Amino acid sequence: MKKSNYITRAGWDRLDQELKFLWKDERPKITRSVSEAAAQGDRSENAEYIYGKRRLREIDRRVRFLMKRTEELTIVYPDPQQEGRAFFGAWVTLINEADKEFVYRIVGPDEWDVKRGEISIDSPMARALLGKAVDDEVVVQTPEGEKIFDIIAIAYKK
């Protein structure tokens, strides 16, 4: 399944900050340590040199990915007309059959983080929530089977 190319402003800022950190701070620091390690002589048994080269490849791979991905992304700002319905960027409060409450924010696939309550717009839960309003019932297909939730609140600011 193809990833959506949407991102919130906060998600974009996190990716941009990571890119700048890797390119301007981390990469120059690792490059210096690799140069210093190379100057010590035999590179084949120099752990600092080998680790540094590996770390540089990881950094370069991530930098290339971030540069390419940020070109494809579209920052989505909530529209006041969306108020009352669950769309991209919304914080949705749900309650399940056992009266347990969950709060999720619908975000792009590059920024989801379950610990922060952020779920990807491409996830089954987000797909089920899109376009729904408060008091709507949502049925989500999970690996354990169907789960039913009621939407009790929708907000675009936490």
N, C-alpha and C. Protein backbone atom coordinates (compact mmCIF):
# COMPACT_ATOMS: atom_id res chain seq x y z
N MET A 1 0.84 -1.19 0.00
CA MET A 1 0.00 0.00 0.00
C MET A 1 0.89 1.25 0.00
N LYS A 2 0.56 2.18 -0.84
CA LYS A 2 1.33 3.42 -0.96
C LYS A 2 1.05 4.32 0.23
N LYS A 3 2.11 4.95 0.77
CA LYS A 3 1.95 5.86 1.89
C LYS A 3 1.32 7.17 1.42
N SER A 4 0.50 7.75 2.28
CA SER A 4 -0.05 9.08 2.01
C SER A 4 1.08 10.10 2.10
N ASN A 5 0.92 11.19 1.39
CA ASN A 5 1.96 12.23 1.39
C ASN A 5 1.55 13.45 2.21
N TYR A 6 0.80 13.23 3.28
CA TYR A 6 0.35 14.32 4.12
C TYR A 6 1.13 14.33 5.43
N ILE A 7 1.29 15.53 5.98
CA ILE A 7 2.00 15.68 7.25
C ILE A 7 1.48 16.92 7.94
N THR A 8 1.48 16.89 9.28
CA THR A 8 1.10 18.08 10.04
C THR A 8 2.30 19.02 10.10
N ARG A 9 2.06 20.26 10.48
CA ARG A 9 3.16 21.23 10.61
C ARG A 9 4.17 20.74 11.65
N ALA A 10 3.68 20.22 12.77
CA ALA A 10 4.57 19.74 13.83
C ALA A 10 5.41 18.56 13.33
N GLY A 11 4.81 17.67 12.55
CA GLY A 11 5.54 16.54 11.99
C GLY A 11 6.61 16.99 11.02
N TRP A 12 6.26 17.97 10.18
CA TRP A 12 7.23 18.52 9.22
C TRP A 12 8.41 19.14 9.97
N ASP A 13 8.11 19.89 11.03
CA ASP A 13 9.17 20.53 11.80
C ASP A 13 10.11 19.49 12.42
N ARG A 14 9.55 18.36 12.90
CA ARG A 14 10.38 17.30 13.48
C ARG A 14 11.30 16.69 12.42
N LEU A 15 10.76 16.41 11.22
CA LEU A 15 11.59 15.85 10.15
C LEU A 15 12.67 16.84 9.72
N ASP A 16 12.31 18.10 9.59
CA ASP A 16 13.25 19.13 9.19
C ASP A 16 14.35 19.30 10.24
N GLN A 17 13.96 19.24 11.50
CA GLN A 17 14.95 19.35 12.59
C GLN A 17 15.90 18.16 12.57
N GLU A 18 15.37 16.96 12.33
CA GLU A 18 16.22 15.77 12.25
C GLU A 18 17.20 15.89 11.09
N LEU A 19 16.72 16.33 9.94
CA LEU A 19 17.57 16.49 8.76
C LEU A 19 18.70 17.49 9.04
N LYS A 20 18.36 18.63 9.61
CA LYS A 20 19.37 19.65 9.91
C LYS A 20 20.38 19.13 10.93
N PHE A 21 19.90 18.42 11.96
CA PHE A 21 20.81 17.87 12.97
C PHE A 21 21.79 16.89 12.34
N LEU A 22 21.25 15.95 11.53
CA LEU A 22 22.13 14.95 10.91
C LEU A 22 23.15 15.60 9.99
N TRP A 23 22.72 16.58 9.19
CA TRP A 23 23.59 17.17 8.18
C TRP A 23 24.60 18.16 8.77
N LYS A 24 24.16 18.97 9.74
CA LYS A 24 25.02 20.04 10.24
C LYS A 24 25.77 19.70 11.52
N ASP A 25 25.26 18.75 12.30
CA ASP A 25 25.91 18.43 13.57
C ASP A 25 26.53 17.03 13.55
N GLU A 26 25.67 16.02 13.37
CA GLU A 26 26.11 14.63 13.49
C GLU A 26 27.12 14.23 12.42
N ARG A 27 26.84 14.52 11.15
CA ARG A 27 27.73 14.09 10.06
C ARG A 27 29.12 14.72 10.17
N PRO A 28 29.23 16.04 10.40
CA PRO A 28 30.58 16.62 10.53
C PRO A 28 31.36 16.03 11.72
N LYS A 29 30.65 15.76 12.82
CA LYS A 29 31.31 15.18 14.00
C LYS A 29 31.84 13.78 13.68
N ILE A 30 31.04 12.95 13.03
CA ILE A 30 31.46 11.59 12.67
C ILE A 30 32.58 11.63 11.62
N THR A 31 32.48 12.55 10.67
CA THR A 31 33.52 12.69 9.64
C THR A 31 34.86 13.01 10.29
N ARG A 32 34.86 13.91 11.28
CA ARG A 32 36.10 14.25 12.00
C ARG A 32 36.66 13.03 12.72
N SER A 33 35.79 12.27 13.38
CA SER A 33 36.28 11.10 14.14
C SER A 33 36.81 10.03 13.19
N VAL A 34 36.21 9.88 12.00
CA VAL A 34 36.71 8.91 11.02
C VAL A 34 38.08 9.36 10.51
N SER A 35 38.24 10.65 10.25
CA SER A 35 39.53 11.17 9.79
C SER A 35 40.62 10.94 10.83
N GLU A 36 40.28 11.20 12.10
CA GLU A 36 41.25 10.99 13.18
C GLU A 36 41.61 9.51 13.30
N ALA A 37 40.61 8.64 13.18
CA ALA A 37 40.85 7.20 13.29
C ALA A 37 41.70 6.71 12.11
N ALA A 38 41.44 7.26 10.91
CA ALA A 38 42.19 6.87 9.72
C ALA A 38 43.66 7.27 9.86
N ALA A 39 43.90 8.38 10.52
CA ALA A 39 45.27 8.87 10.69
C ALA A 39 46.09 7.98 11.62
N GLN A 40 45.43 7.11 12.37
CA GLN A 40 46.13 6.24 13.32
C GLN A 40 46.78 5.03 12.64
N GLY A 41 46.53 4.88 11.35
CA GLY A 41 47.21 3.78 10.66
C GLY A 41 46.26 2.70 10.18
N ASP A 42 46.57 1.44 10.53
CA ASP A 42 45.86 0.27 10.02
C ASP A 42 44.34 0.38 10.24
N ARG A 43 43.63 0.54 9.14
CA ARG A 43 42.19 0.72 9.21
C ARG A 43 41.43 -0.59 9.36
N SER A 44 42.03 -1.70 8.96
CA SER A 44 41.32 -2.98 8.96
C SER A 44 40.96 -3.45 10.37
N GLU A 45 41.73 -3.04 11.36
CA GLU A 45 41.46 -3.46 12.73
C GLU A 45 41.12 -2.28 13.64
N ASN A 46 40.82 -1.15 13.04
CA ASN A 46 40.51 0.05 13.79
C ASN A 46 38.99 0.15 13.97
N ALA A 47 38.51 -0.21 15.15
CA ALA A 47 37.06 -0.25 15.43
C ALA A 47 36.42 1.13 15.27
N GLU A 48 37.12 2.18 15.71
CA GLU A 48 36.56 3.53 15.58
C GLU A 48 36.35 3.90 14.12
N TYR A 49 37.32 3.53 13.29
CA TYR A 49 37.23 3.83 11.86
C TYR A 49 36.07 3.04 11.23
N ILE A 50 36.00 1.75 11.52
CA ILE A 50 34.96 0.88 10.94
C ILE A 50 33.58 1.34 11.40
N TYR A 51 33.41 1.59 12.71
CA TYR A 51 32.13 2.07 13.22
C TYR A 51 31.77 3.42 12.60
N GLY A 52 32.74 4.32 12.53
CA GLY A 52 32.49 5.66 11.98
C GLY A 52 32.03 5.60 10.54
N LYS A 53 32.69 4.76 9.72
CA LYS A 53 32.28 4.62 8.31
C LYS A 53 30.86 4.07 8.22
N ARG A 54 30.55 3.09 9.07
CA ARG A 54 29.20 2.52 9.07
C ARG A 54 28.19 3.58 9.47
N ARG A 55 28.50 4.35 10.50
CA ARG A 55 27.59 5.41 10.96
C ARG A 55 27.41 6.47 9.88
N LEU A 56 28.47 6.82 9.16
CA LEU A 56 28.34 7.78 8.05
C LEU A 56 27.39 7.26 6.98
N ARG A 57 27.49 5.97 6.65
CA ARG A 57 26.57 5.39 5.66
C ARG A 57 25.12 5.47 6.15
N GLU A 58 24.89 5.19 7.44
CA GLU A 58 23.54 5.28 8.01
C GLU A 58 23.02 6.71 7.94
N ILE A 59 23.87 7.66 8.30
CA ILE A 59 23.47 9.08 8.26
C ILE A 59 23.15 9.48 6.83
N ASP A 60 24.02 9.13 5.88
CA ASP A 60 23.80 9.51 4.49
C ASP A 60 22.51 8.89 3.94
N ARG A 61 22.25 7.64 4.31
CA ARG A 61 21.03 6.97 3.86
C ARG A 61 19.80 7.71 4.41
N ARG A 62 19.82 8.06 5.69
CA ARG A 62 18.69 8.76 6.32
C ARG A 62 18.53 10.16 5.74
N VAL A 63 19.63 10.86 5.50
CA VAL A 63 19.58 12.20 4.91
C VAL A 63 18.96 12.14 3.52
N ARG A 64 19.40 11.16 2.70
CA ARG A 64 18.82 11.01 1.36
C ARG A 64 17.33 10.74 1.43
N PHE A 65 16.93 9.84 2.35
CA PHE A 65 15.51 9.54 2.52
C PHE A 65 14.73 10.78 2.92
N LEU A 66 15.22 11.51 3.93
CA LEU A 66 14.51 12.70 4.41
C LEU A 66 14.40 13.77 3.33
N MET A 67 15.48 13.98 2.57
CA MET A 67 15.44 15.00 1.51
C MET A 67 14.41 14.62 0.44
N LYS A 68 14.42 13.36 0.03
CA LYS A 68 13.47 12.90 -0.99
C LYS A 68 12.04 12.94 -0.46
N ARG A 69 11.85 12.46 0.77
CA ARG A 69 10.51 12.38 1.34
C ARG A 69 9.92 13.76 1.58
N THR A 70 10.71 14.71 2.09
CA THR A 70 10.17 16.04 2.36
C THR A 70 9.75 16.76 1.09
N GLU A 71 10.37 16.41 -0.04
CA GLU A 71 9.93 16.98 -1.32
C GLU A 71 8.55 16.50 -1.71
N GLU A 72 8.19 15.27 -1.30
CA GLU A 72 6.91 14.67 -1.67
C GLU A 72 5.78 15.07 -0.75
N LEU A 73 6.10 15.52 0.46
CA LEU A 73 5.09 15.76 1.48
C LEU A 73 4.34 17.08 1.29
N THR A 74 3.08 17.07 1.71
CA THR A 74 2.24 18.25 1.71
C THR A 74 1.82 18.52 3.15
N ILE A 75 2.13 19.73 3.63
CA ILE A 75 1.71 20.10 4.99
C ILE A 75 0.22 20.43 4.93
N VAL A 76 -0.54 19.80 5.83
CA VAL A 76 -1.99 20.00 5.87
C VAL A 76 -2.33 20.80 7.13
N TYR A 77 -3.02 21.91 6.91
CA TYR A 77 -3.48 22.73 8.03
C TYR A 77 -4.98 22.51 8.17
N PRO A 78 -5.46 22.30 9.41
CA PRO A 78 -6.90 22.08 9.59
C PRO A 78 -7.72 23.25 9.08
N ASP A 79 -8.81 22.93 8.42
CA ASP A 79 -9.73 23.93 7.87
C ASP A 79 -10.86 24.12 8.88
N PRO A 80 -11.24 25.37 9.20
CA PRO A 80 -12.32 25.59 10.16
C PRO A 80 -13.63 24.88 9.76
N GLN A 81 -13.81 24.63 8.47
CA GLN A 81 -15.03 23.94 8.02
C GLN A 81 -15.04 22.48 8.43
N GLN A 82 -13.88 21.94 8.84
CA GLN A 82 -13.80 20.54 9.26
C GLN A 82 -14.31 20.35 10.69
N GLU A 83 -14.43 21.43 11.44
CA GLU A 83 -14.82 21.36 12.84
C GLU A 83 -16.05 20.46 13.02
N GLY A 84 -15.95 19.55 13.98
CA GLY A 84 -17.07 18.64 14.26
C GLY A 84 -16.96 17.31 13.54
N ARG A 85 -16.03 17.19 12.61
CA ARG A 85 -15.82 15.93 11.89
C ARG A 85 -14.35 15.53 12.00
N ALA A 86 -14.10 14.23 11.93
CA ALA A 86 -12.74 13.71 12.07
C ALA A 86 -12.05 13.67 10.71
N PHE A 87 -11.06 14.52 10.55
CA PHE A 87 -10.24 14.54 9.35
C PHE A 87 -8.78 14.61 9.77
N PHE A 88 -7.89 14.76 8.81
CA PHE A 88 -6.46 14.81 9.07
C PHE A 88 -6.15 15.89 10.11
N GLY A 89 -5.34 15.53 11.11
CA GLY A 89 -4.94 16.48 12.14
C GLY A 89 -5.85 16.53 13.35
N ALA A 90 -6.99 15.84 13.30
CA ALA A 90 -7.95 15.89 14.40
C ALA A 90 -7.53 15.01 15.57
N TRP A 91 -7.82 15.50 16.77
CA TRP A 91 -7.72 14.69 17.99
C TRP A 91 -9.10 14.11 18.20
N VAL A 92 -9.20 12.78 18.21
CA VAL A 92 -10.49 12.10 18.33
C VAL A 92 -10.50 11.30 19.64
N THR A 93 -11.51 11.56 20.46
CA THR A 93 -11.67 10.82 21.71
C THR A 93 -12.74 9.76 21.50
N LEU A 94 -12.37 8.52 21.81
CA LEU A 94 -13.25 7.37 21.60
C LEU A 94 -13.48 6.65 22.92
N ILE A 95 -14.56 5.90 22.96
CA ILE A 95 -14.83 5.04 24.11
C ILE A 95 -15.21 3.67 23.56
N ASN A 96 -14.65 2.62 24.15
CA ASN A 96 -14.96 1.27 23.64
C ASN A 96 -16.11 0.65 24.42
N GLU A 97 -16.41 -0.61 24.11
CA GLU A 97 -17.54 -1.30 24.74
C GLU A 97 -17.34 -1.48 26.24
N ALA A 98 -16.08 -1.48 26.69
CA ALA A 98 -15.77 -1.64 28.11
C ALA A 98 -15.64 -0.28 28.82
N ASP A 99 -16.10 0.78 28.17
CA ASP A 99 -16.05 2.15 28.69
C ASP A 99 -14.62 2.65 28.92
N LYS A 100 -13.68 2.11 28.18
CA LYS A 100 -12.30 2.59 28.25
C LYS A 100 -12.14 3.69 27.19
N GLU A 101 -11.50 4.78 27.60
CA GLU A 101 -11.35 5.94 26.72
C GLU A 101 -9.99 5.93 26.01
N PHE A 102 -9.99 6.32 24.74
CA PHE A 102 -8.79 6.43 23.93
C PHE A 102 -8.80 7.78 23.24
N VAL A 103 -7.62 8.40 23.12
CA VAL A 103 -7.50 9.65 22.37
C VAL A 103 -6.42 9.47 21.31
N TYR A 104 -6.81 9.69 20.05
CA TYR A 104 -5.87 9.55 18.94
C TYR A 104 -5.89 10.81 18.09
N ARG A 105 -4.73 11.11 17.53
CA ARG A 105 -4.64 12.18 16.54
C ARG A 105 -4.31 11.54 15.20
N ILE A 106 -5.04 11.93 14.17
CA ILE A 106 -4.82 11.40 12.83
C ILE A 106 -3.71 12.23 12.17
N VAL A 107 -2.58 11.57 11.89
CA VAL A 107 -1.41 12.25 11.32
C VAL A 107 -0.88 11.48 10.12
N GLY A 108 0.16 12.00 9.51
CA GLY A 108 0.76 11.36 8.34
C GLY A 108 1.56 10.12 8.71
N PRO A 109 1.84 9.26 7.73
CA PRO A 109 2.57 8.03 7.98
C PRO A 109 4.03 8.24 8.41
N ASP A 110 4.55 9.44 8.21
CA ASP A 110 5.94 9.73 8.59
C ASP A 110 6.06 10.24 10.02
N GLU A 111 4.94 10.43 10.69
CA GLU A 111 5.01 11.07 12.01
C GLU A 111 4.24 10.33 13.11
N TRP A 112 3.60 9.23 12.79
CA TRP A 112 2.80 8.56 13.82
C TRP A 112 3.67 8.08 14.97
N ASP A 113 3.08 8.11 16.15
CA ASP A 113 3.77 7.68 17.36
C ASP A 113 2.70 7.32 18.38
N VAL A 114 2.50 6.05 18.59
CA VAL A 114 1.43 5.58 19.47
C VAL A 114 1.60 6.12 20.88
N LYS A 115 2.85 6.28 21.34
CA LYS A 115 3.09 6.81 22.70
C LYS A 115 2.52 8.22 22.84
N ARG A 116 2.54 8.99 21.76
CA ARG A 116 1.98 10.35 21.79
C ARG A 116 0.51 10.35 21.38
N GLY A 117 -0.05 9.17 21.10
CA GLY A 117 -1.45 9.08 20.71
C GLY A 117 -1.68 9.44 19.25
N GLU A 118 -0.64 9.38 18.44
CA GLU A 118 -0.75 9.75 17.03
C GLU A 118 -0.79 8.49 16.17
N ILE A 119 -1.81 8.40 15.31
CA ILE A 119 -1.96 7.24 14.43
C ILE A 119 -1.91 7.70 12.98
N SER A 120 -1.38 6.83 12.12
CA SER A 120 -1.24 7.16 10.70
C SER A 120 -2.59 7.20 10.02
N ILE A 121 -2.74 8.14 9.12
CA ILE A 121 -3.97 8.25 8.33
C ILE A 121 -4.20 6.98 7.52
N ASP A 122 -3.15 6.20 7.30
CA ASP A 122 -3.26 4.96 6.53
C ASP A 122 -3.65 3.76 7.40
N SER A 123 -3.75 3.95 8.71
CA SER A 123 -4.09 2.84 9.61
C SER A 123 -5.58 2.52 9.54
N PRO A 124 -5.95 1.28 9.85
CA PRO A 124 -7.38 0.92 9.84
C PRO A 124 -8.22 1.80 10.76
N MET A 125 -7.69 2.15 11.94
CA MET A 125 -8.44 3.01 12.87
C MET A 125 -8.71 4.38 12.26
N ALA A 126 -7.68 5.00 11.70
CA ALA A 126 -7.85 6.34 11.10
C ALA A 126 -8.81 6.28 9.91
N ARG A 127 -8.67 5.26 9.08
CA ARG A 127 -9.57 5.11 7.93
C ARG A 127 -11.02 5.02 8.39
N ALA A 128 -11.26 4.30 9.49
CA ALA A 128 -12.62 4.16 10.01
C ALA A 128 -13.14 5.49 10.58
N LEU A 129 -12.23 6.32 11.11
CA LEU A 129 -12.63 7.59 11.73
C LEU A 129 -12.91 8.71 10.73
N LEU A 130 -12.24 8.68 9.59
CA LEU A 130 -12.33 9.80 8.64
C LEU A 130 -13.78 10.14 8.26
N GLY A 131 -14.10 11.43 8.44
CA GLY A 131 -15.42 11.92 8.06
C GLY A 131 -16.50 11.72 9.11
N LYS A 132 -16.18 11.01 10.18
CA LYS A 132 -17.17 10.74 11.22
C LYS A 132 -17.32 11.95 12.14
N ALA A 133 -18.47 11.98 12.87
CA ALA A 133 -18.78 13.07 13.78
C ALA A 133 -18.96 12.52 15.20
N VAL A 134 -19.09 13.44 16.17
CA VAL A 134 -19.33 13.06 17.55
C VAL A 134 -20.63 12.26 17.61
N ASP A 135 -20.65 11.22 18.44
CA ASP A 135 -21.77 10.29 18.64
C ASP A 135 -21.87 9.23 17.55
N ASP A 136 -20.99 9.27 16.54
CA ASP A 136 -20.99 8.21 15.53
C ASP A 136 -20.34 6.97 16.12
N GLU A 137 -20.79 5.83 15.63
CA GLU A 137 -20.18 4.56 16.02
C GLU A 137 -19.19 4.16 14.95
N VAL A 138 -18.05 3.65 15.37
CA VAL A 138 -16.98 3.27 14.45
C VAL A 138 -16.66 1.80 14.65
N VAL A 139 -16.63 1.04 13.55
CA VAL A 139 -16.26 -0.36 13.61
C VAL A 139 -14.88 -0.50 12.96
N VAL A 140 -13.93 -1.05 13.72
CA VAL A 140 -12.55 -1.18 13.24
C VAL A 140 -12.18 -2.66 13.21
N GLN A 141 -11.65 -3.08 12.07
CA GLN A 141 -11.18 -4.46 11.94
C GLN A 141 -9.77 -4.53 12.51
N THR A 142 -9.57 -5.34 13.54
CA THR A 142 -8.26 -5.52 14.16
C THR A 142 -7.86 -6.98 14.04
N PRO A 143 -6.59 -7.30 14.32
CA PRO A 143 -6.18 -8.71 14.27
C PRO A 143 -7.00 -9.60 15.21
N GLU A 144 -7.51 -9.02 16.30
CA GLU A 144 -8.34 -9.78 17.25
C GLU A 144 -9.80 -9.85 16.83
N GLY A 145 -10.16 -9.18 15.75
CA GLY A 145 -11.55 -9.15 15.29
C GLY A 145 -12.09 -7.74 15.28
N GLU A 146 -13.40 -7.61 15.06
CA GLU A 146 -14.02 -6.29 15.01
C GLU A 146 -14.09 -5.65 16.39
N LYS A 147 -13.78 -4.37 16.44
CA LYS A 147 -13.89 -3.59 17.67
C LYS A 147 -14.83 -2.42 17.37
N ILE A 148 -15.68 -2.11 18.34
CA ILE A 148 -16.65 -1.02 18.17
C ILE A 148 -16.31 0.09 19.15
N PHE A 149 -16.27 1.32 18.63
CA PHE A 149 -15.98 2.50 19.43
C PHE A 149 -17.06 3.55 19.16
N ASP A 150 -17.30 4.41 20.15
CA ASP A 150 -18.16 5.57 19.97
C ASP A 150 -17.28 6.80 20.05
N ILE A 151 -17.51 7.75 19.14
CA ILE A 151 -16.75 9.00 19.16
C ILE A 151 -17.42 9.93 20.16
N ILE A 152 -16.66 10.41 21.15
CA ILE A 152 -17.25 11.30 22.15
C ILE A 152 -16.74 12.74 22.03
N ALA A 153 -15.65 12.95 21.30
CA ALA A 153 -15.15 14.33 21.11
C ALA A 153 -14.21 14.36 19.91
N ILE A 154 -14.21 15.52 19.23
CA ILE A 154 -13.29 15.78 18.12
C ILE A 154 -12.79 17.20 18.28
N ALA A 155 -11.46 17.36 18.24
CA ALA A 155 -10.87 18.70 18.37
C ALA A 155 -9.67 18.80 17.44
N TYR A 156 -9.37 20.02 17.03
CA TYR A 156 -8.20 20.24 16.18
C TYR A 156 -7.06 20.90 16.93
N LYS A 157 -7.27 21.18 18.21
CA LYS A 157 -6.21 21.66 19.10
C LYS A 157 -6.28 20.78 20.33
N LYS A 158 -5.12 20.33 20.81
CA LYS A 158 -5.11 19.41 21.97
C LYS A 158 -5.54 20.12 23.22
